[in-house]
N, C-alpha and C. Protein backbone atom coordinates (compact mmCIF):
# COMPACT_ATOMS: atom_id res chain seq x y z
N MET A 1 -53.74 -81.55 105.31
CA MET A 1 -55.08 -80.90 105.33
C MET A 1 -55.39 -80.10 106.66
N ALA A 2 -54.45 -80.19 107.50
CA ALA A 2 -54.83 -79.44 108.83
C ALA A 2 -54.39 -78.16 108.57
N ASP A 3 -53.50 -77.62 107.62
CA ASP A 3 -53.21 -76.47 107.34
C ASP A 3 -54.28 -75.57 106.55
N ARG A 4 -55.42 -76.24 106.07
CA ARG A 4 -56.53 -75.61 105.58
C ARG A 4 -57.52 -75.18 106.81
N PHE A 5 -57.24 -75.77 107.92
CA PHE A 5 -58.09 -75.09 109.10
C PHE A 5 -57.41 -74.28 110.09
N PRO A 6 -57.73 -73.19 110.23
CA PRO A 6 -57.06 -72.61 111.25
C PRO A 6 -56.84 -73.17 112.68
N GLU A 7 -56.16 -72.78 113.54
CA GLU A 7 -56.03 -73.38 114.72
C GLU A 7 -57.19 -73.06 115.42
N ILE A 8 -57.76 -74.07 116.34
CA ILE A 8 -58.72 -73.75 117.40
C ILE A 8 -58.10 -73.22 118.65
N THR A 9 -58.53 -72.32 119.26
CA THR A 9 -57.61 -71.63 120.37
C THR A 9 -58.41 -71.88 121.70
N SER A 10 -59.48 -72.59 121.97
CA SER A 10 -59.83 -72.72 123.16
C SER A 10 -61.00 -73.94 123.24
N ALA A 11 -60.79 -74.55 124.40
CA ALA A 11 -61.90 -75.74 124.75
C ALA A 11 -63.30 -75.34 124.09
N GLU A 12 -63.65 -74.31 124.54
CA GLU A 12 -64.81 -73.78 124.14
C GLU A 12 -65.28 -73.74 122.89
N GLU A 13 -64.47 -73.31 122.02
CA GLU A 13 -64.40 -73.10 120.52
C GLU A 13 -64.50 -74.68 119.97
N PHE A 14 -63.50 -75.42 120.48
CA PHE A 14 -63.63 -76.75 119.73
C PHE A 14 -65.04 -77.58 120.22
N ILE A 15 -65.55 -77.35 121.42
CA ILE A 15 -67.04 -77.84 121.60
C ILE A 15 -67.92 -77.53 120.82
N ARG A 16 -67.91 -75.87 120.71
CA ARG A 16 -68.90 -75.38 119.66
C ARG A 16 -68.68 -76.04 118.36
N ARG A 17 -67.70 -75.95 117.67
CA ARG A 17 -67.29 -76.73 116.49
C ARG A 17 -67.89 -77.98 116.47
N ARG A 18 -67.57 -78.87 117.44
CA ARG A 18 -67.77 -80.09 117.56
C ARG A 18 -69.53 -80.40 117.39
N GLN A 19 -70.02 -79.57 118.13
CA GLN A 19 -71.53 -79.69 118.26
C GLN A 19 -72.30 -79.13 117.31
N SER A 20 -71.60 -78.46 116.12
CA SER A 20 -72.14 -77.53 115.27
C SER A 20 -73.08 -78.55 114.35
N GLU A 21 -74.20 -78.04 113.59
CA GLU A 21 -74.69 -78.90 112.90
C GLU A 21 -74.23 -78.33 111.29
N ASP A 22 -73.40 -77.39 111.36
CA ASP A 22 -72.77 -77.01 110.07
C ASP A 22 -71.45 -78.13 109.73
N PRO A 23 -71.70 -78.78 108.65
CA PRO A 23 -70.58 -79.68 108.30
C PRO A 23 -69.14 -79.08 108.36
N ALA A 24 -69.00 -78.07 107.88
CA ALA A 24 -67.83 -77.35 107.81
C ALA A 24 -67.17 -77.23 109.18
N GLU A 25 -67.94 -76.83 110.20
CA GLU A 25 -67.72 -76.45 111.74
C GLU A 25 -67.00 -77.75 112.32
N PHE A 26 -67.97 -78.85 111.93
CA PHE A 26 -67.61 -80.02 112.63
C PHE A 26 -66.36 -80.74 112.04
N LYS A 27 -66.28 -80.37 110.66
CA LYS A 27 -65.01 -81.02 109.98
C LYS A 27 -63.79 -80.39 110.73
N ARG A 28 -64.14 -79.19 110.81
CA ARG A 28 -62.73 -78.16 111.51
C ARG A 28 -62.37 -78.74 112.79
N SER A 29 -63.29 -79.16 113.76
CA SER A 29 -62.79 -79.94 114.81
C SER A 29 -62.08 -81.21 114.86
N ALA A 30 -62.37 -81.88 113.65
CA ALA A 30 -61.53 -83.11 113.49
C ALA A 30 -60.19 -82.85 112.80
N TRP A 31 -59.91 -81.69 112.28
CA TRP A 31 -58.53 -81.39 111.23
C TRP A 31 -57.97 -80.32 112.05
N ALA A 32 -58.35 -79.40 112.78
CA ALA A 32 -57.62 -78.24 113.27
C ALA A 32 -56.64 -78.63 114.36
N THR A 33 -55.62 -77.81 114.17
CA THR A 33 -54.57 -78.02 115.53
C THR A 33 -55.26 -77.20 116.69
N LEU A 34 -54.75 -77.36 117.79
CA LEU A 34 -54.75 -76.95 119.05
C LEU A 34 -53.76 -76.78 119.81
N PRO A 35 -53.62 -75.45 120.57
CA PRO A 35 -52.43 -75.35 121.50
C PRO A 35 -52.49 -76.50 122.51
N LEU A 36 -51.21 -77.14 123.04
CA LEU A 36 -51.24 -78.18 123.99
C LEU A 36 -51.96 -77.72 125.12
N PRO A 37 -51.88 -76.63 125.82
CA PRO A 37 -52.93 -76.26 126.81
C PRO A 37 -54.42 -76.58 126.62
N VAL A 38 -54.94 -76.19 125.39
CA VAL A 38 -56.30 -76.61 125.04
C VAL A 38 -56.58 -78.23 125.05
N TRP A 39 -55.48 -78.71 124.30
CA TRP A 39 -55.77 -80.21 124.44
C TRP A 39 -56.01 -80.72 125.74
N TRP A 40 -54.85 -80.36 126.92
CA TRP A 40 -55.08 -80.70 128.01
C TRP A 40 -56.45 -80.42 128.75
N ASP A 41 -56.78 -79.05 128.65
CA ASP A 41 -58.15 -78.86 129.17
C ASP A 41 -59.20 -79.71 128.51
N LEU A 42 -59.22 -79.92 127.36
CA LEU A 42 -60.31 -80.79 126.74
C LEU A 42 -60.22 -82.13 127.56
N ALA A 43 -58.84 -82.63 127.38
CA ALA A 43 -58.81 -84.23 127.90
C ALA A 43 -59.22 -84.20 129.22
N ARG A 44 -58.69 -83.36 130.17
CA ARG A 44 -58.99 -83.50 131.53
C ARG A 44 -60.30 -82.89 132.14
N ASN A 45 -61.00 -81.97 131.54
CA ASN A 45 -62.13 -81.12 131.98
C ASN A 45 -63.28 -81.26 131.36
N HIS A 46 -63.25 -82.02 130.19
CA HIS A 46 -64.52 -82.38 129.28
C HIS A 46 -64.65 -83.77 128.97
N PRO A 47 -64.89 -84.69 129.85
CA PRO A 47 -64.94 -86.08 129.53
C PRO A 47 -65.88 -86.60 128.35
N ASP A 48 -67.05 -85.74 128.07
CA ASP A 48 -67.75 -85.98 126.90
C ASP A 48 -67.07 -85.72 125.93
N MET A 49 -66.13 -84.88 125.67
CA MET A 49 -65.35 -84.58 124.46
C MET A 49 -64.24 -85.54 124.17
N ARG A 50 -63.69 -86.31 125.12
CA ARG A 50 -62.72 -87.39 124.87
C ARG A 50 -62.67 -88.16 123.58
N PHE A 51 -63.72 -88.72 123.39
CA PHE A 51 -63.74 -89.37 122.18
C PHE A 51 -63.63 -88.23 120.94
N TRP A 52 -63.93 -87.19 120.94
CA TRP A 52 -63.82 -86.22 119.85
C TRP A 52 -62.30 -85.80 119.88
N VAL A 53 -61.74 -85.78 120.97
CA VAL A 53 -60.32 -85.36 120.88
C VAL A 53 -59.48 -86.37 120.43
N ALA A 54 -59.87 -87.71 120.65
CA ALA A 54 -59.06 -88.55 120.05
C ALA A 54 -59.31 -88.86 118.45
N HIS A 55 -60.43 -88.32 117.97
CA HIS A 55 -60.88 -88.40 116.74
C HIS A 55 -60.04 -87.42 115.93
N ASN A 56 -59.67 -86.34 116.32
CA ASN A 56 -58.93 -85.30 115.73
C ASN A 56 -57.68 -85.92 115.03
N ARG A 57 -57.34 -85.46 113.80
CA ARG A 57 -56.30 -85.87 113.16
C ARG A 57 -55.07 -85.35 113.63
N THR A 58 -54.88 -84.46 114.49
CA THR A 58 -53.75 -83.53 114.99
C THR A 58 -53.26 -83.85 116.31
N VAL A 59 -54.20 -84.48 117.18
CA VAL A 59 -53.88 -84.78 118.27
C VAL A 59 -52.55 -85.27 118.77
N PRO A 60 -51.87 -84.72 119.68
CA PRO A 60 -50.46 -84.97 120.03
C PRO A 60 -50.48 -86.23 120.81
N PRO A 61 -49.12 -86.93 120.64
CA PRO A 61 -49.04 -88.38 121.38
C PRO A 61 -49.11 -88.24 122.94
N GLU A 62 -48.77 -87.15 123.45
CA GLU A 62 -48.98 -87.06 124.92
C GLU A 62 -50.31 -87.09 125.45
N ILE A 63 -51.31 -86.57 124.49
CA ILE A 63 -52.80 -86.40 124.75
C ILE A 63 -53.37 -87.96 124.55
N LEU A 64 -52.79 -88.66 123.51
CA LEU A 64 -53.31 -89.85 123.12
C LEU A 64 -52.82 -90.74 124.32
N ALA A 65 -51.58 -90.62 125.00
CA ALA A 65 -51.26 -91.45 126.24
C ALA A 65 -52.17 -91.18 127.26
N GLU A 66 -52.73 -89.90 127.40
CA GLU A 66 -53.72 -89.80 128.52
C GLU A 66 -55.15 -90.49 128.30
N LEU A 67 -55.44 -90.25 126.88
CA LEU A 67 -56.66 -91.06 126.42
C LEU A 67 -56.79 -92.63 126.62
N ILE A 68 -55.75 -93.09 126.48
CA ILE A 68 -55.79 -94.65 126.52
C ILE A 68 -56.11 -95.06 127.87
N GLU A 69 -55.97 -94.01 129.00
CA GLU A 69 -56.49 -94.45 130.40
C GLU A 69 -57.96 -94.37 130.70
N ASP A 70 -58.53 -93.73 129.44
CA ASP A 70 -60.14 -93.62 129.61
C ASP A 70 -60.94 -94.68 130.12
N PRO A 71 -61.87 -94.47 130.80
CA PRO A 71 -62.81 -95.83 131.24
C PRO A 71 -63.56 -96.23 130.04
N ASP A 72 -63.85 -95.26 129.34
CA ASP A 72 -64.92 -95.63 127.94
C ASP A 72 -64.06 -96.44 126.88
N TRP A 73 -64.49 -97.66 126.63
CA TRP A 73 -63.65 -98.47 125.59
C TRP A 73 -63.58 -97.54 124.23
N ARG A 74 -64.70 -96.99 124.00
CA ARG A 74 -64.89 -96.16 122.43
C ARG A 74 -63.59 -95.22 122.57
N VAL A 75 -63.09 -94.45 123.59
CA VAL A 75 -62.22 -93.59 123.51
C VAL A 75 -60.79 -94.30 123.10
N ARG A 76 -60.48 -95.51 123.94
CA ARG A 76 -59.41 -96.14 123.68
C ARG A 76 -59.34 -96.71 122.21
N ASP A 77 -60.60 -97.26 121.94
CA ASP A 77 -60.66 -97.83 120.51
C ASP A 77 -60.16 -96.67 119.43
N ARG A 78 -60.62 -95.62 119.63
CA ARG A 78 -60.45 -94.57 118.78
C ARG A 78 -59.11 -94.14 118.74
N VAL A 79 -58.37 -93.99 119.77
CA VAL A 79 -56.76 -94.19 119.97
C VAL A 79 -55.98 -95.18 119.08
N ALA A 80 -56.52 -96.41 119.49
CA ALA A 80 -55.78 -97.57 118.87
C ALA A 80 -56.12 -97.63 117.28
N SER A 81 -57.07 -97.00 116.84
CA SER A 81 -57.18 -96.87 115.34
C SER A 81 -56.81 -95.98 114.55
N LYS A 82 -56.14 -94.84 115.42
CA LYS A 82 -55.48 -93.94 114.88
C LYS A 82 -53.87 -94.31 113.86
N ARG A 83 -53.78 -94.08 112.54
CA ARG A 83 -52.54 -94.37 111.85
C ARG A 83 -51.52 -94.05 112.55
N ASN A 84 -51.48 -92.69 113.38
CA ASN A 84 -50.11 -92.33 113.98
C ASN A 84 -49.99 -92.71 115.24
N CYS A 85 -50.75 -93.62 115.83
CA CYS A 85 -50.75 -94.19 117.24
C CYS A 85 -49.16 -94.51 117.53
N PRO A 86 -48.73 -94.30 118.61
CA PRO A 86 -47.14 -94.59 118.74
C PRO A 86 -47.26 -95.86 119.25
N SER A 87 -46.30 -96.65 118.82
CA SER A 87 -45.85 -98.02 119.24
C SER A 87 -46.18 -98.51 120.71
N GLU A 88 -45.60 -97.55 121.50
CA GLU A 88 -45.33 -97.74 122.80
C GLU A 88 -46.94 -97.61 123.43
N LEU A 89 -47.71 -96.74 122.85
CA LEU A 89 -49.12 -96.93 123.38
C LEU A 89 -49.83 -98.17 123.06
N LEU A 90 -49.66 -98.38 121.46
CA LEU A 90 -50.18 -99.84 121.25
C LEU A 90 -49.82 -101.15 122.14
N GLU A 91 -48.63 -100.87 122.60
CA GLU A 91 -47.96 -101.63 123.50
C GLU A 91 -48.86 -101.85 124.85
N ARG A 92 -49.18 -100.71 125.32
CA ARG A 92 -49.86 -100.67 126.55
C ARG A 92 -51.22 -101.20 126.48
N LEU A 93 -51.98 -101.04 125.18
CA LEU A 93 -53.38 -101.36 124.93
C LEU A 93 -53.41 -102.90 124.59
N VAL A 94 -52.43 -103.77 124.59
CA VAL A 94 -52.33 -104.95 124.25
C VAL A 94 -53.39 -105.70 125.38
N ASP A 95 -53.39 -105.34 126.72
CA ASP A 95 -54.08 -106.06 127.52
C ASP A 95 -55.38 -105.30 127.96
N ASP A 96 -55.72 -104.45 126.96
CA ASP A 96 -57.15 -103.75 127.19
C ASP A 96 -58.32 -105.00 127.50
N PRO A 97 -59.28 -104.38 128.22
CA PRO A 97 -60.23 -105.47 128.54
C PRO A 97 -61.16 -105.69 127.41
N HIS A 98 -61.28 -104.71 126.61
CA HIS A 98 -62.45 -104.65 125.38
C HIS A 98 -61.61 -105.34 124.36
N ASP A 99 -62.40 -106.34 123.81
CA ASP A 99 -62.28 -106.93 122.59
C ASP A 99 -61.53 -106.19 121.25
N SER A 100 -62.46 -105.28 121.18
CA SER A 100 -62.31 -104.20 119.79
C SER A 100 -61.06 -103.57 119.93
N VAL A 101 -60.59 -103.18 121.20
CA VAL A 101 -59.36 -102.32 121.22
C VAL A 101 -58.27 -103.60 121.02
N ARG A 102 -58.26 -104.80 121.45
CA ARG A 102 -57.10 -105.63 121.38
C ARG A 102 -57.03 -105.89 119.83
N ARG A 103 -58.19 -106.07 119.27
CA ARG A 103 -58.19 -106.50 117.60
C ARG A 103 -57.62 -105.14 117.10
N LEU A 104 -57.77 -104.02 117.26
CA LEU A 104 -57.14 -103.16 116.77
C LEU A 104 -55.63 -103.11 116.76
N VAL A 105 -55.10 -103.45 117.95
CA VAL A 105 -53.84 -103.59 118.21
C VAL A 105 -53.15 -104.78 117.32
N ALA A 106 -53.75 -105.74 117.19
CA ALA A 106 -53.56 -106.83 116.58
C ALA A 106 -53.09 -106.77 115.15
N GLY A 107 -54.15 -105.85 114.54
CA GLY A 107 -53.67 -105.45 113.08
C GLY A 107 -53.07 -104.06 112.89
N HIS A 108 -52.88 -103.37 113.87
CA HIS A 108 -52.39 -102.09 113.51
C HIS A 108 -50.75 -102.10 113.06
N PRO A 109 -50.50 -101.51 112.02
CA PRO A 109 -49.24 -101.56 111.41
C PRO A 109 -48.10 -101.35 112.36
N ARG A 110 -48.46 -100.37 113.16
CA ARG A 110 -47.21 -99.91 114.11
C ARG A 110 -47.14 -100.67 115.51
N SER A 111 -47.78 -101.48 115.59
CA SER A 111 -47.72 -102.45 116.89
C SER A 111 -46.62 -103.25 116.70
N PRO A 112 -45.84 -103.04 117.84
CA PRO A 112 -44.62 -103.92 117.89
C PRO A 112 -44.87 -105.22 118.11
N ARG A 113 -43.95 -106.27 117.32
CA ARG A 113 -43.96 -107.61 117.15
C ARG A 113 -44.31 -108.28 118.49
N SER A 114 -43.66 -107.76 119.61
CA SER A 114 -44.01 -108.52 120.79
C SER A 114 -45.27 -108.25 121.42
N ALA A 115 -45.97 -107.18 120.74
CA ALA A 115 -47.51 -106.86 121.46
C ALA A 115 -48.46 -107.83 120.66
N VAL A 116 -47.98 -107.98 119.43
CA VAL A 116 -48.82 -108.62 118.41
C VAL A 116 -48.69 -110.39 118.95
N ALA A 117 -47.51 -110.68 119.24
CA ALA A 117 -47.14 -111.88 119.62
C ALA A 117 -48.08 -112.36 121.08
N ARG A 118 -48.06 -111.39 121.79
CA ARG A 118 -49.17 -111.53 123.07
C ARG A 118 -50.42 -111.80 122.85
N LEU A 119 -50.84 -111.29 121.63
CA LEU A 119 -52.32 -111.43 121.41
C LEU A 119 -52.77 -112.87 120.61
N VAL A 120 -51.73 -113.68 120.23
CA VAL A 120 -52.00 -115.10 119.65
C VAL A 120 -52.69 -116.00 120.40
N ASP A 121 -52.98 -115.79 121.97
CA ASP A 121 -53.62 -116.57 122.68
C ASP A 121 -54.86 -115.78 123.15
N ASP A 122 -55.25 -114.66 122.54
CA ASP A 122 -56.33 -113.98 123.10
C ASP A 122 -57.54 -114.81 123.29
N PRO A 123 -58.29 -114.57 124.45
CA PRO A 123 -59.56 -115.24 124.72
C PRO A 123 -60.69 -114.92 123.57
N TRP A 124 -60.55 -114.13 122.70
CA TRP A 124 -61.44 -113.73 121.93
C TRP A 124 -60.87 -114.11 120.49
N PRO A 125 -61.45 -115.38 119.91
CA PRO A 125 -60.62 -116.12 118.60
C PRO A 125 -60.48 -114.94 117.50
N VAL A 126 -61.18 -113.94 117.45
CA VAL A 126 -61.12 -113.15 116.17
C VAL A 126 -59.67 -112.38 116.61
N VAL A 127 -59.45 -111.97 117.67
CA VAL A 127 -58.18 -111.27 117.92
C VAL A 127 -57.06 -112.16 117.83
N ALA A 128 -57.21 -113.43 118.39
CA ALA A 128 -55.96 -114.25 118.06
C ALA A 128 -55.73 -114.82 116.78
N GLN A 129 -56.87 -114.91 116.05
CA GLN A 129 -56.48 -115.15 114.51
C GLN A 129 -55.74 -113.99 113.99
N GLU A 130 -56.21 -112.79 114.12
CA GLU A 130 -55.60 -111.61 113.56
C GLU A 130 -54.15 -111.49 113.88
N ALA A 131 -54.00 -111.94 115.12
CA ALA A 131 -52.57 -111.83 115.66
C ALA A 131 -51.81 -112.91 115.01
N ARG A 132 -52.28 -114.11 114.85
CA ARG A 132 -51.49 -115.21 114.10
C ARG A 132 -51.26 -114.61 112.53
N VAL A 133 -52.33 -114.18 112.11
CA VAL A 133 -52.06 -113.76 110.55
C VAL A 133 -51.20 -112.83 110.26
N ARG A 134 -51.14 -111.80 111.22
CA ARG A 134 -50.21 -110.67 111.30
C ARG A 134 -48.73 -111.11 111.35
N LEU A 135 -48.63 -112.06 112.77
CA LEU A 135 -47.38 -112.73 112.83
C LEU A 135 -46.65 -113.58 111.48
N ALA A 136 -47.50 -114.26 110.88
CA ALA A 136 -47.36 -114.95 109.62
C ALA A 136 -46.72 -114.13 108.55
N LYS A 137 -47.30 -113.02 108.56
CA LYS A 137 -46.66 -112.06 107.35
C LYS A 137 -45.63 -111.07 107.82
N TRP A 138 -45.18 -111.12 109.06
CA TRP A 138 -44.21 -110.33 109.36
C TRP A 138 -42.96 -110.29 108.87
N PRO A 139 -42.29 -109.47 108.53
CA PRO A 139 -40.91 -109.50 107.88
C PRO A 139 -39.92 -110.16 108.65
N SER A 140 -39.33 -111.31 108.20
CA SER A 140 -38.45 -111.89 109.06
C SER A 140 -37.06 -110.95 109.24
N ALA A 141 -36.40 -111.28 110.13
CA ALA A 141 -35.04 -110.47 110.29
C ALA A 141 -33.93 -110.86 109.08
N ARG A 142 -33.93 -112.01 108.64
CA ARG A 142 -33.23 -112.73 107.64
C ARG A 142 -33.59 -111.85 106.22
N SER A 143 -34.93 -111.62 105.99
CA SER A 143 -35.36 -111.01 104.54
C SER A 143 -34.93 -109.50 104.78
N SER A 144 -34.84 -108.93 105.70
CA SER A 144 -34.49 -107.39 105.85
C SER A 144 -32.64 -107.40 105.75
N GLU A 145 -32.08 -108.24 105.97
CA GLU A 145 -30.52 -108.35 106.00
C GLU A 145 -30.26 -108.09 104.41
N PRO A 146 -29.06 -107.32 104.33
CA PRO A 146 -28.58 -107.04 103.03
C PRO A 146 -27.67 -108.41 102.44
N SER A 147 -28.10 -108.79 101.18
CA SER A 147 -27.64 -110.17 100.54
C SER A 147 -26.18 -109.82 100.21
């Protein structure tokens, strides 16, 4: 779908489209690609846009790695909810101070087994339960071996 949306070429254009009341413009801010320097500009110089940077479907992994350091749990939550969140970032988010972020890590299909295992004793019972259920359903090494 990103191919349907021409590239956004500046932080100012991204912000303008994101703040637009036109649904097509808003949608473009969520789907269009951006050159890497524009991503960095948004992530580093526009803290109020960091959630929306994480929301974009084409945000590159190096920008996601920057965003998991955000003090706003909602930004980290958005990163952890991305289908294509790299497993190494999910591993880093396992100790996040916010319950919602850890819950997403527990249930994320790309979370490494080691990260999910660390959450079985989480202080929030919802996270611990999700991690236990996920581990119980984890394919065993034996079932993936050829017979």
